[in-house]
Amino acid sequence: MNDTPTPQQCQQRLEISGRHRQEIPRVIEQLAATCREGRCYEHLAPEPIPSREATVAVIHQAQKILFPGYFTRHHLDRFNIEYYLGQEVSVLHELLAEQIVLAVRHNCLRYHESCSQCELRGHEAAISFIQELPRLRQQLADDVRAAMTGDPAAKSVDEVIFSYPGLYAITVYRLAHLLRRLEVPLLPRIMTEYAHSKTGIDINPGAVIGEHFFIDHGTGIVIGETTEIGNRVRIYQGVTLGALSLPGDAGEKYRNVKRHPTIEDEVIIYSGATILGGETRIGARSVIGGNVWLTRSVPPDTKVLLKNPELLHLTRDEQRQDPGADSS
């Protein structure tokens, strides 16, 4: 059987396609009208917006510097390390300065702010960021050591740096938090949300996190904007450090209010725990058990645990006698 269409069939198909394509201009007109009438969110301006792709490139470039030899295909040794770092830091500075300038200028023009000398501010913020890299490297080295100390499954430092999503999320958070401290708009949140999309770990760049921080497994962790975390804290998957229920108009009313908990030094928070509220403080060296829900403060050296649930172990015969045993 020959399935090859005839010329007449081909012509008919083209006519059908053409009739449907005639609908496109009408849809375009409707889309443009929503922008003209202020019924959509758009960015129609001669000044370019910061690039998400370039901001992600800042993360990758910083990784090459903070963990030299791990995220590059170049062969590194003690004889060429200074040359390598000189090249990579220069690239990072130019890339970051351009995006900061765009972010500052975007806010200035879009929100009618007074002139903040965006070019000067962008390059000053970029060099301030670069000057913090030695401190950041030491801080991240402590985070790596925290993973090695806290996780028996960690076979080597290389494994932690290459593959642990917790360390990656912490690395991006520390970069973004520094940019936020430098009052750079847009870029910090782009960075942490990118890490969130890659790891399932959501750390707001506004959170304040101390030294030797370890996230084990990590999937489903949420750390809110005004969270404060001390030193040598360990958090497992599914933990939420969040805000209490807020009203529908909370955006402006609570924007600069502490809404998330404070976790003091050497606290361990096990999987599935939820700790809410700006006045909630977990005292130093406390242990919060799995699936615990807390909205009140806990004094230092406290264990908060759920009672063991009553578990039923039913044989096959018992299940037949109790038809509702499988419903849960």
C-alpha atoms as a PDB file:
ATOM      1  CA  MET A   1       0.000   0.000   0.000  1.00  0.00           C
ATOM      2  CA  ASN A   2       1.399   3.373  -1.039  1.00  0.00           C
ATOM      3  CA  ASP A   3       1.072   6.003   1.736  1.00  0.00           C
ATOM      4  CA  THR A   4       2.681   8.789  -0.293  1.00  0.00           C
ATOM      5  CA  PRO A   5       0.243  11.762  -0.416  1.00  0.00           C
ATOM      6  CA  THR A   6      -0.959  12.997  -3.759  1.00  0.00           C
ATOM      7  CA  PRO A   7      -0.290  16.580  -4.879  1.00  0.00           C
ATOM      8  CA  GLN A   8      -3.940  17.372  -4.205  1.00  0.00           C
ATOM      9  CA  GLN A   9      -3.653  16.101  -0.611  1.00  0.00           C
ATOM     10  CA  CYS A  10      -0.490  18.136  -0.031  1.00  0.00           C
ATOM     11  CA  GLN A  11      -2.215  21.274  -1.309  1.00  0.00           C
ATOM     12  CA  GLN A  12      -5.191  20.616   0.963  1.00  0.00           C
ATOM     13  CA  ARG A  13      -2.934  20.277   3.994  1.00  0.00           C
ATOM     14  CA  LEU A  14      -1.176  23.548   3.199  1.00  0.00           C
ATOM     15  CA  GLU A  15      -4.526  25.332   2.921  1.00  0.00           C
ATOM     16  CA  ILE A  16      -5.632  23.943   6.308  1.00  0.00           C
ATOM     17  CA  SER A  17      -2.373  25.073   7.915  1.00  0.00           C
ATOM     18  CA  GLY A  18      -2.706  28.530   6.348  1.00  0.00           C
ATOM     19  CA  ARG A  19      -6.257  28.987   7.648  1.00  0.00           C
ATOM     20  CA  HIS A  20      -5.141  28.160  11.186  1.00  0.00           C
ATOM     21  CA  ARG A  21      -2.120  30.443  11.005  1.00  0.00           C
ATOM     22  CA  GLN A  22      -4.441  33.335  10.181  1.00  0.00           C
ATOM     23  CA  GLU A  23      -5.506  33.235  13.872  1.00  0.00           C
ATOM     24  CA  ILE A  24      -2.015  34.132  15.075  1.00  0.00           C
ATOM     25  CA  PRO A  25      -2.116  37.917  14.340  1.00  0.00           C
ATOM     26  CA  ARG A  26      -5.324  38.249  16.356  1.00  0.00           C
ATOM     27  CA  VAL A  27      -3.722  36.529  19.368  1.00  0.00           C
ATOM     28  CA  ILE A  28      -0.633  38.724  19.066  1.00  0.00           C
ATOM     29  CA  GLU A  29      -2.824  41.822  19.057  1.00  0.00           C
ATOM     30  CA  GLN A  30      -4.535  40.657  22.254  1.00  0.00           C
ATOM     31  CA  LEU A  31      -1.198  39.932  23.934  1.00  0.00           C
ATOM     32  CA  ALA A  32       0.188  43.362  23.021  1.00  0.00           C
ATOM     33  CA  ALA A  33      -2.993  45.032  24.265  1.00  0.00           C
ATOM     34  CA  THR A  34      -2.563  43.549  27.760  1.00  0.00           C
ATOM     35  CA  CYS A  35       0.869  45.170  27.922  1.00  0.00           C
ATOM     36  CA  ARG A  36      -0.350  48.559  26.656  1.00  0.00           C
ATOM     37  CA  GLU A  37      -3.218  48.539  29.144  1.00  0.00           C
ATOM     38  CA  GLY A  38      -1.080  47.548  32.141  1.00  0.00           C
ATOM     39  CA  ARG A  39      -2.728  44.175  32.565  1.00  0.00           C
ATOM     40  CA  CYS A  40       0.478  42.112  32.501  1.00  0.00           C
ATOM     41  CA  TYR A  41       3.972  42.117  33.932  1.00  0.00           C
ATOM     42  CA  GLU A  42       6.569  42.940  31.320  1.00  0.00           C
ATOM     43  CA  HIS A  43      10.007  44.454  30.968  1.00  0.00           C
ATOM     44  CA  LEU A  44       9.760  46.807  28.011  1.00  0.00           C
ATOM     45  CA  ALA A  45      12.685  49.171  28.347  1.00  0.00           C
ATOM     46  CA  PRO A  46      15.741  50.159  26.328  1.00  0.00           C
ATOM     47  CA  GLU A  47      17.977  49.186  29.275  1.00  0.00           C
ATOM     48  CA  PRO A  48      18.700  45.421  29.388  1.00  0.00           C
ATOM     49  CA  ILE A  49      17.757  43.462  32.483  1.00  0.00           C
ATOM     50  CA  PRO A  50      20.422  41.358  34.249  1.00  0.00           C
ATOM     51  CA  SER A  51      20.979  37.972  32.657  1.00  0.00           C
ATOM     52  CA  ARG A  52      19.975  34.856  34.574  1.00  0.00           C
ATOM     53  CA  GLU A  53      22.425  32.808  32.509  1.00  0.00           C
ATOM     54  CA  ALA A  54      25.287  35.198  33.295  1.00  0.00           C
ATOM     55  CA  THR A  55      24.372  35.168  36.990  1.00  0.00           C
ATOM     56  CA  VAL A  56      24.537  31.368  37.004  1.00  0.00           C
ATOM     57  CA  ALA A  57      27.901  31.681  35.235  1.00  0.00           C
ATOM     58  CA  VAL A  58      29.079  33.786  38.203  1.00  0.00           C
ATOM     59  CA  ILE A  59      28.359  30.790  40.463  1.00  0.00           C
ATOM     60  CA  HIS A  60      30.345  28.411  38.267  1.00  0.00           C
ATOM     61  CA  GLN A  61      33.216  30.875  37.957  1.00  0.00           C
ATOM     62  CA  ALA A  62      33.357  31.382  41.716  1.00  0.00           C
ATOM     63  CA  GLN A  63      33.438  27.610  42.245  1.00  0.00           C
ATOM     64  CA  LYS A  64      36.578  27.387  40.115  1.00  0.00           C
ATOM     65  CA  ILE A  65      38.268  29.858  42.443  1.00  0.00           C
ATOM     66  CA  LEU A  66      36.937  28.643  45.779  1.00  0.00           C
ATOM     67  CA  PHE A  67      37.722  24.987  44.977  1.00  0.00           C
ATOM     68  CA  PRO A  68      40.658  25.183  42.534  1.00  0.00           C
ATOM     69  CA  GLY A  69      41.235  22.032  40.530  1.00  0.00           C
ATOM     70  CA  TYR A  70      37.760  20.585  41.081  1.00  0.00           C
ATOM     71  CA  PHE A  71      35.669  22.456  38.516  1.00  0.00           C
ATOM     72  CA  THR A  72      38.121  22.993  35.667  1.00  0.00           C
ATOM     73  CA  ARG A  73      39.724  20.756  33.062  1.00  0.00           C
ATOM     74  CA  HIS A  74      43.067  22.540  33.387  1.00  0.00           C
ATOM     75  CA  HIS A  75      45.919  20.672  35.024  1.00  0.00           C
ATOM     76  CA  LEU A  76      46.867  22.605  38.158  1.00  0.00           C
ATOM     77  CA  ASP A  77      49.945  22.365  40.320  1.00  0.00           C
ATOM     78  CA  ARG A  78      51.827  24.614  42.708  1.00  0.00           C
ATOM     79  CA  PHE A  79      53.762  26.194  39.863  1.00  0.00           C
ATOM     80  CA  ASN A  80      50.795  27.521  37.867  1.00  0.00           C
ATOM     81  CA  ILE A  81      48.217  28.104  40.612  1.00  0.00           C
ATOM     82  CA  GLU A  82      48.833  31.861  40.833  1.00  0.00           C
ATOM     83  CA  TYR A  83      48.542  32.279  37.084  1.00  0.00           C
ATOM     84  CA  TYR A  84      45.351  30.205  37.069  1.00  0.00           C
ATOM     85  CA  LEU A  85      43.786  32.183  39.916  1.00  0.00           C
ATOM     86  CA  GLY A  86      44.785  35.465  38.283  1.00  0.00           C
ATOM     87  CA  GLN A  87      42.979  34.489  35.088  1.00  0.00           C
ATOM     88  CA  GLU A  88      39.868  33.156  36.788  1.00  0.00           C
ATOM     89  CA  VAL A  89      39.497  36.017  39.276  1.00  0.00           C
ATOM     90  CA  SER A  90      39.793  38.560  36.475  1.00  0.00           C
ATOM     91  CA  VAL A  91      37.050  36.793  34.512  1.00  0.00           C
ATOM     92  CA  LEU A  92      34.852  36.673  37.618  1.00  0.00           C
ATOM     93  CA  HIS A  93      35.348  40.369  38.318  1.00  0.00           C
ATOM     94  CA  GLU A  94      34.357  41.438  34.809  1.00  0.00           C
ATOM     95  CA  LEU A  95      31.393  39.083  34.653  1.00  0.00           C
ATOM     96  CA  LEU A  96      30.081  40.095  38.076  1.00  0.00           C
ATOM     97  CA  ALA A  97      30.646  43.829  37.627  1.00  0.00           C
ATOM     98  CA  GLU A  98      28.615  43.822  34.409  1.00  0.00           C
ATOM     99  CA  GLN A  99      25.661  42.075  36.052  1.00  0.00           C
ATOM    100  CA  ILE A 100      25.739  44.313  39.139  1.00  0.00           C
ATOM    101  CA  VAL A 101      25.727  47.413  36.941  1.00  0.00           C
ATOM    102  CA  LEU A 102      22.726  46.068  35.024  1.00  0.00           C
ATOM    103  CA  ALA A 103      20.887  45.185  38.253  1.00  0.00           C
ATOM    104  CA  VAL A 104      21.482  48.581  39.857  1.00  0.00           C
ATOM    105  CA  ARG A 105      20.614  50.507  36.678  1.00  0.00           C
ATOM    106  CA  HIS A 106      17.498  48.387  36.188  1.00  0.00           C
ATOM    107  CA  ASN A 107      16.205  49.247  39.664  1.00  0.00           C
ATOM    108  CA  CYS A 108      17.093  52.909  39.245  1.00  0.00           C
ATOM    109  CA  LEU A 109      15.196  53.344  35.967  1.00  0.00           C
ATOM    110  CA  ARG A 110      12.309  50.944  36.530  1.00  0.00           C
ATOM    111  CA  TYR A 111      11.433  52.184  40.013  1.00  0.00           C
ATOM    112  CA  HIS A 112      12.390  55.842  39.459  1.00  0.00           C
ATOM    113  CA  GLU A 113      15.082  55.849  42.128  1.00  0.00           C
ATOM    114  CA  SER A 114      17.605  58.642  42.496  1.00  0.00           C
ATOM    115  CA  CYS A 115      20.870  58.174  40.625  1.00  0.00           C
ATOM    116  CA  SER A 116      23.174  55.773  42.464  1.00  0.00           C
ATOM    117  CA  GLN A 117      26.095  55.971  40.008  1.00  0.00           C
ATOM    118  CA  CYS A 118      25.488  52.459  38.788  1.00  0.00           C
ATOM    119  CA  GLU A 119      28.770  52.044  36.915  1.00  0.00           C
ATOM    120  CA  LEU A 120      30.861  53.081  39.911  1.00  0.00           C
ATOM    121  CA  ARG A 121      28.694  51.136  42.336  1.00  0.00           C
ATOM    122  CA  GLY A 122      28.816  48.006  40.196  1.00  0.00           C
ATOM    123  CA  HIS A 123      32.592  47.913  39.968  1.00  0.00           C
ATOM    124  CA  GLU A 124      33.046  48.822  43.646  1.00  0.00           C
ATOM    125  CA  ALA A 125      30.671  46.048  44.715  1.00  0.00           C
ATOM    126  CA  ALA A 126      32.413  43.566  42.407  1.00  0.00           C
ATOM    127  CA  ILE A 127      35.858  44.314  43.853  1.00  0.00           C
ATOM    128  CA  SER A 128      34.453  44.178  47.396  1.00  0.00           C
ATOM    129  CA  PHE A 129      33.067  40.743  46.548  1.00  0.00           C
ATOM    130  CA  ILE A 130      36.456  39.648  45.168  1.00  0.00           C
ATOM    131  CA  GLN A 131      38.204  40.839  48.338  1.00  0.00           C
ATOM    132  CA  GLU A 132      35.991  38.520  50.395  1.00  0.00           C
ATOM    133  CA  LEU A 133      36.937  35.384  48.433  1.00  0.00           C
ATOM    134  CA  PRO A 134      39.812  34.316  50.764  1.00  0.00           C
ATOM    135  CA  ARG A 135      37.461  34.491  53.755  1.00  0.00           C
ATOM    136  CA  LEU A 136      34.735  32.647  51.835  1.00  0.00           C
ATOM    137  CA  ARG A 137      37.181  29.905  50.889  1.00  0.00           C
ATOM    138  CA  GLN A 138      38.117  29.356  54.547  1.00  0.00           C
ATOM    139  CA  GLN A 139      34.445  29.394  55.529  1.00  0.00           C
ATOM    140  CA  LEU A 140      33.547  26.789  52.906  1.00  0.00           C
ATOM    141  CA  ALA A 141      36.523  24.653  53.936  1.00  0.00           C
ATOM    142  CA  ASP A 142      34.982  24.580  57.425  1.00  0.00           C
ATOM    143  CA  ASP A 143      31.654  23.537  55.874  1.00  0.00           C
ATOM    144  CA  VAL A 144      33.436  20.682  54.075  1.00  0.00           C
ATOM    145  CA  ARG A 145      35.027  19.605  57.356  1.00  0.00           C
ATOM    146  CA  ALA A 146      31.605  19.730  59.000  1.00  0.00           C
ATOM    147  CA  ALA A 147      30.330  17.270  56.382  1.00  0.00           C
ATOM    148  CA  MET A 148      33.286  14.959  56.927  1.00  0.00           C
ATOM    149  CA  THR A 149      32.784  15.108  60.691  1.00  0.00           C
ATOM    150  CA  GLY A 150      29.013  14.761  60.666  1.00  0.00           C
ATOM    151  CA  ASP A 151      28.406  12.157  57.958  1.00  0.00           C
ATOM    152  CA  PRO A 152      29.849   8.642  58.276  1.00  0.00           C
ATOM    153  CA  ALA A 153      28.897   8.058  54.629  1.00  0.00           C
ATOM    154  CA  ALA A 154      31.336  10.757  53.451  1.00  0.00           C
ATOM    155  CA  LYS A 155      34.282   8.796  52.111  1.00  0.00           C
ATOM    156  CA  SER A 156      36.502  11.744  51.175  1.00  0.00           C
ATOM    157  CA  VAL A 157      36.728  15.503  50.870  1.00  0.00           C
ATOM    158  CA  ASP A 158      36.635  15.045  47.089  1.00  0.00           C
ATOM    159  CA  GLU A 159      33.294  13.257  47.342  1.00  0.00           C
ATOM    160  CA  VAL A 160      31.803  16.049  49.449  1.00  0.00           C
ATOM    161  CA  ILE A 161      32.985  18.830  47.119  1.00  0.00           C
ATOM    162  CA  PHE A 162      32.043  17.056  43.904  1.00  0.00           C
ATOM    163  CA  SER A 163      28.722  15.518  44.815  1.00  0.00           C
ATOM    164  CA  TYR A 164      27.059  16.759  48.030  1.00  0.00           C
ATOM    165  CA  PRO A 165      23.994  18.892  47.224  1.00  0.00           C
ATOM    166  CA  GLY A 166      24.128  20.374  50.716  1.00  0.00           C
ATOM    167  CA  LEU A 167      27.585  21.808  50.157  1.00  0.00           C
ATOM    168  CA  TYR A 168      26.572  23.164  46.752  1.00  0.00           C
ATOM    169  CA  ALA A 169      23.520  24.899  48.244  1.00  0.00           C
ATOM    170  CA  ILE A 170      25.642  26.325  51.077  1.00  0.00           C
ATOM    171  CA  THR A 171      28.275  27.547  48.604  1.00  0.00           C
ATOM    172  CA  VAL A 172      25.698  29.371  46.491  1.00  0.00           C
ATOM    173  CA  TYR A 173      24.023  30.762  49.612  1.00  0.00           C
ATOM    174  CA  ARG A 174      27.313  32.188  50.928  1.00  0.00           C
ATOM    175  CA  LEU A 175      28.024  33.856  47.568  1.00  0.00           C
ATOM    176  CA  ALA A 176      24.493  35.264  47.373  1.00  0.00           C
ATOM    177  CA  HIS A 177      24.478  36.398  51.012  1.00  0.00           C
ATOM    178  CA  LEU A 178      27.658  38.386  50.408  1.00  0.00           C
ATOM    179  CA  LEU A 179      26.090  40.107  47.393  1.00  0.00           C
ATOM    180  CA  ARG A 180      23.013  40.899  49.457  1.00  0.00           C
ATOM    181  CA  ARG A 181      25.185  42.440  52.174  1.00  0.00           C
ATOM    182  CA  LEU A 182      26.684  44.600  49.424  1.00  0.00           C
ATOM    183  CA  GLU A 183      23.097  45.711  48.614  1.00  0.00           C
ATOM    184  CA  VAL A 184      23.122  44.209  45.135  1.00  0.00           C
ATOM    185  CA  PRO A 185      19.530  43.764  43.882  1.00  0.00           C
ATOM    186  CA  LEU A 186      18.102  40.756  41.995  1.00  0.00           C
ATOM    187  CA  LEU A 187      21.273  38.685  41.657  1.00  0.00           C
ATOM    188  CA  PRO A 188      21.300  37.078  45.144  1.00  0.00           C
ATOM    189  CA  ARG A 189      17.812  35.631  44.779  1.00  0.00           C
ATOM    190  CA  ILE A 190      18.488  34.453  41.222  1.00  0.00           C
ATOM    191  CA  MET A 191      21.493  32.555  42.569  1.00  0.00           C
ATOM    192  CA  THR A 192      19.798  30.834  45.508  1.00  0.00           C
ATOM    193  CA  GLU A 193      16.717  29.930  43.486  1.00  0.00           C
ATOM    194  CA  TYR A 194      18.988  28.338  40.896  1.00  0.00           C
ATOM    195  CA  ALA A 195      20.581  26.261  43.660  1.00  0.00           C
ATOM    196  CA  HIS A 196      17.071  25.460  44.905  1.00  0.00           C
ATOM    197  CA  SER A 197      16.107  24.153  41.472  1.00  0.00           C
ATOM    198  CA  LYS A 198      19.237  21.971  41.341  1.00  0.00           C
ATOM    199  CA  THR A 199      19.214  20.585  44.897  1.00  0.00           C
ATOM    200  CA  GLY A 200      15.731  20.968  46.387  1.00  0.00           C
ATOM    201  CA  ILE A 201      17.309  23.083  49.152  1.00  0.00           C
ATOM    202  CA  ASP A 202      15.770  26.553  49.511  1.00  0.00           C
ATOM    203  CA  ILE A 203      17.991  28.987  51.439  1.00  0.00           C
ATOM    204  CA  ASN A 204      17.000  32.633  51.252  1.00  0.00           C
ATOM    205  CA  PRO A 205      20.098  34.842  50.748  1.00  0.00           C
ATOM    206  CA  GLY A 206      18.961  37.037  53.639  1.00  0.00           C
ATOM    207  CA  ALA A 207      19.393  34.257  56.213  1.00  0.00           C
ATOM    208  CA  VAL A 208      22.414  34.546  58.527  1.00  0.00           C
ATOM    209  CA  ILE A 209      24.301  31.247  58.851  1.00  0.00           C
ATOM    210  CA  GLY A 210      27.378  30.651  60.990  1.00  0.00           C
ATOM    211  CA  GLU A 211      30.477  28.498  60.583  1.00  0.00           C
ATOM    212  CA  HIS A 212      30.747  24.701  60.163  1.00  0.00           C
ATOM    213  CA  PHE A 213      27.232  24.358  58.737  1.00  0.00           C
ATOM    214  CA  PHE A 214      26.218  20.897  57.538  1.00  0.00           C
ATOM    215  CA  ILE A 215      23.146  19.858  55.539  1.00  0.00           C
ATOM    216  CA  ASP A 216      22.748  16.074  55.323  1.00  0.00           C
ATOM    217  CA  HIS A 217      20.805  14.764  52.286  1.00  0.00           C
ATOM    218  CA  GLY A 218      19.032  18.105  52.052  1.00  0.00           C
ATOM    219  CA  THR A 219      16.005  17.562  49.828  1.00  0.00           C
ATOM    220  CA  GLY A 220      13.039  19.667  50.920  1.00  0.00           C
ATOM    221  CA  ILE A 221      14.879  21.995  53.308  1.00  0.00           C
ATOM    222  CA  VAL A 222      13.505  25.554  53.587  1.00  0.00           C
ATOM    223  CA  ILE A 223      15.409  28.306  55.408  1.00  0.00           C
ATOM    224  CA  GLY A 224      13.545  31.611  55.448  1.00  0.00           C
ATOM    225  CA  GLU A 225      14.865  35.124  54.926  1.00  0.00           C
ATOM    226  CA  THR A 226      15.201  36.246  58.571  1.00  0.00           C
ATOM    227  CA  THR A 227      16.461  32.924  59.935  1.00  0.00           C
ATOM    228  CA  GLU A 228      19.587  33.106  62.109  1.00  0.00           C
ATOM    229  CA  ILE A 229      21.718  29.976  62.468  1.00  0.00           C
ATOM    230  CA  GLY A 230      24.729  29.712  64.765  1.00  0.00           C
ATOM    231  CA  ASN A 231      27.939  27.713  64.453  1.00  0.00           C
ATOM    232  CA  ARG A 232      28.284  23.929  64.083  1.00  0.00           C
ATOM    233  CA  VAL A 233      24.601  23.366  63.296  1.00  0.00           C
ATOM    234  CA  ARG A 234      23.469  20.187  61.518  1.00  0.00           C
ATOM    235  CA  ILE A 235      20.193  19.939  59.555  1.00  0.00           C
ATOM    236  CA  TYR A 236      18.636  16.933  57.848  1.00  0.00           C
ATOM    237  CA  GLN A 237      16.240  16.624  54.903  1.00  0.00           C
ATOM    238  CA  GLY A 238      12.732  18.026  55.027  1.00  0.00           C
ATOM    239  CA  VAL A 239      13.424  20.636  57.718  1.00  0.00           C
ATOM    240  CA  THR A 240      11.510  23.927  57.537  1.00  0.00           C
ATOM    241  CA  LEU A 241      12.713  27.060  59.320  1.00  0.00           C
ATOM    242  CA  GLY A 242       9.778  29.227  58.385  1.00  0.00           C
ATOM    243  CA  ALA A 243       7.288  31.924  59.350  1.00  0.00           C
ATOM    244  CA  LEU A 244       3.989  31.590  61.150  1.00  0.00           C
ATOM    245  CA  SER A 245       0.836  32.035  59.092  1.00  0.00           C
ATOM    246  CA  LEU A 246       0.691  35.586  57.746  1.00  0.00           C
ATOM    247  CA  PRO A 247      -2.273  37.634  56.480  1.00  0.00           C
ATOM    248  CA  GLY A 248      -2.884  38.212  52.793  1.00  0.00           C
ATOM    249  CA  ASP A 249      -1.415  41.735  52.929  1.00  0.00           C
ATOM    250  CA  ALA A 250       1.770  40.592  54.685  1.00  0.00           C
ATOM    251  CA  GLY A 251       4.048  41.619  51.802  1.00  0.00           C
ATOM    252  CA  GLU A 252       4.569  45.236  52.884  1.00  0.00           C
ATOM    253  CA  LYS A 253       3.532  44.984  56.521  1.00  0.00           C
ATOM    254  CA  TYR A 254       6.047  42.278  57.476  1.00  0.00           C
ATOM    255  CA  ARG A 255       8.778  42.893  54.909  1.00  0.00           C
ATOM    256  CA  ASN A 256      11.415  44.075  57.390  1.00  0.00           C
ATOM    257  CA  VAL A 257      10.169  42.150  60.420  1.00  0.00           C
ATOM    258  CA  LYS A 258      11.920  39.041  61.795  1.00  0.00           C
ATOM    259  CA  ARG A 259       9.583  36.197  60.850  1.00  0.00           C
ATOM    260  CA  HIS A 260      11.801  33.129  61.061  1.00  0.00           C
ATOM    261  CA  PRO A 261      13.445  31.322  63.992  1.00  0.00           C
ATOM    262  CA  THR A 262      16.875  31.612  65.569  1.00  0.00           C
ATOM    263  CA  ILE A 263      18.946  28.441  65.885  1.00  0.00           C
ATOM    264  CA  GLU A 264      21.832  28.707  68.339  1.00  0.00           C
ATOM    265  CA  ASP A 265      25.209  26.912  68.224  1.00  0.00           C
ATOM    266  CA  GLU A 266      25.595  23.128  67.941  1.00  0.00           C
ATOM    267  CA  VAL A 267      21.912  22.373  67.380  1.00  0.00           C
ATOM    268  CA  ILE A 268      20.876  19.230  65.479  1.00  0.00           C
ATOM    269  CA  ILE A 269      17.537  19.246  63.642  1.00  0.00           C
ATOM    270  CA  TYR A 270      16.386  15.885  62.322  1.00  0.00           C
ATOM    271  CA  SER A 271      14.364  15.171  59.203  1.00  0.00           C
ATOM    272  CA  GLY A 272      10.862  16.524  58.795  1.00  0.00           C
ATOM    273  CA  ALA A 273      11.049  18.973  61.711  1.00  0.00           C
ATOM    274  CA  THR A 274       9.239  22.309  61.346  1.00  0.00           C
ATOM    275  CA  ILE A 275      10.256  25.350  63.403  1.00  0.00           C
ATOM    276  CA  LEU A 276       8.245  28.520  62.876  1.00  0.00           C
ATOM    277  CA  GLY A 277       8.151  32.130  64.052  1.00  0.00           C
ATOM    278  CA  GLY A 278      10.468  35.088  64.502  1.00  0.00           C
ATOM    279  CA  GLU A 279      10.386  34.854  68.286  1.00  0.00           C
ATOM    280  CA  THR A 280      11.160  31.130  68.348  1.00  0.00           C
ATOM    281  CA  ARG A 281      14.687  30.408  69.582  1.00  0.00           C
ATOM    282  CA  ILE A 282      16.265  26.955  69.782  1.00  0.00           C
ATOM    283  CA  GLY A 283      18.877  26.995  72.530  1.00  0.00           C
ATOM    284  CA  ALA A 284      22.448  25.867  72.022  1.00  0.00           C
ATOM    285  CA  ARG A 285      23.253  22.138  71.908  1.00  0.00           C
ATOM    286  CA  SER A 286      19.585  21.187  71.657  1.00  0.00           C
ATOM    287  CA  VAL A 287      18.342  18.282  69.552  1.00  0.00           C
ATOM    288  CA  ILE A 288      15.061  18.556  67.632  1.00  0.00           C
ATOM    289  CA  GLY A 289      13.720  15.160  66.681  1.00  0.00           C
ATOM    290  CA  GLY A 290      12.193  14.087  63.404  1.00  0.00           C
ATOM    291  CA  ASN A 291       8.730  15.413  62.475  1.00  0.00           C
ATOM    292  CA  VAL A 292       8.587  17.732  65.493  1.00  0.00           C
ATOM    293  CA  TRP A 293       6.477  20.910  65.046  1.00  0.00           C
ATOM    294  CA  LEU A 294       7.663  23.887  67.112  1.00  0.00           C
ATOM    295  CA  THR A 295       6.343  27.428  67.445  1.00  0.00           C
ATOM    296  CA  ARG A 296       7.810  28.126  70.902  1.00  0.00           C
ATOM    297  CA  SER A 297      11.360  28.598  72.122  1.00  0.00           C
ATOM    298  CA  VAL A 298      13.436  25.771  73.570  1.00  0.00           C
ATOM    299  CA  PRO A 299      16.125  26.340  76.258  1.00  0.00           C
ATOM    300  CA  PRO A 300      19.719  25.187  75.713  1.00  0.00           C
ATOM    301  CA  ASP A 301      20.633  21.502  76.103  1.00  0.00           C
ATOM    302  CA  THR A 302      17.082  20.288  75.419  1.00  0.00           C
ATOM    303  CA  LYS A 303      15.861  17.286  73.452  1.00  0.00           C
ATOM    304  CA  VAL A 304      12.482  17.697  71.781  1.00  0.00           C
ATOM    305  CA  LEU A 305      11.112  14.354  70.631  1.00  0.00           C
ATOM    306  CA  LEU A 306       7.784  12.876  69.584  1.00  0.00           C
ATOM    307  CA  LYS A 307       6.505   9.889  71.517  1.00  0.00           C
ATOM    308  CA  ASN A 308       6.771   6.694  69.539  1.00  0.00           C
ATOM    309  CA  PRO A 309       3.504   6.112  67.676  1.00  0.00           C
ATOM    310  CA  GLU A 310       1.624   2.887  68.331  1.00  0.00           C
ATOM    311  CA  LEU A 311       2.588   0.519  65.529  1.00  0.00           C
ATOM    312  CA  LEU A 312       0.413  -2.456  64.638  1.00  0.00           C
ATOM    313  CA  HIS A 313       2.038  -5.574  63.183  1.00  0.00           C
ATOM    314  CA  LEU A 314      -0.733  -7.692  61.675  1.00  0.00           C
ATOM    315  CA  THR A 315      -0.292 -11.167  60.283  1.00  0.00           C
ATOM    316  CA  ARG A 316      -2.042 -12.117  57.057  1.00  0.00           C
ATOM    317  CA  ASP A 317      -4.832 -13.832  59.022  1.00  0.00           C
ATOM    318  CA  GLU A 318      -5.329 -10.776  61.242  1.00  0.00           C
ATOM    319  CA  GLN A 319      -5.560  -8.551  58.162  1.00  0.00           C
ATOM    320  CA  ARG A 320      -8.361 -10.726  56.809  1.00  0.00           C
ATOM    321  CA  GLN A 321     -10.215 -10.368  60.105  1.00  0.00           C
ATOM    322  CA  ASP A 322      -9.789  -6.571  60.065  1.00  0.00           C
ATOM    323  CA  PRO A 323     -10.686  -5.271  56.551  1.00  0.00           C
ATOM    324  CA  GLY A 324      -9.922  -1.661  57.603  1.00  0.00           C
ATOM    325  CA  ALA A 325      -6.327  -2.441  58.539  1.00  0.00           C
ATOM    326  CA  ASP A 326      -4.994  -1.382  55.123  1.00  0.00           C
ATOM    327  CA  SER A 327      -6.737   1.991  55.098  1.00  0.00           C
ATOM    328  CA  SER A 328      -4.532   4.788  56.341  1.00  0.00           C
END
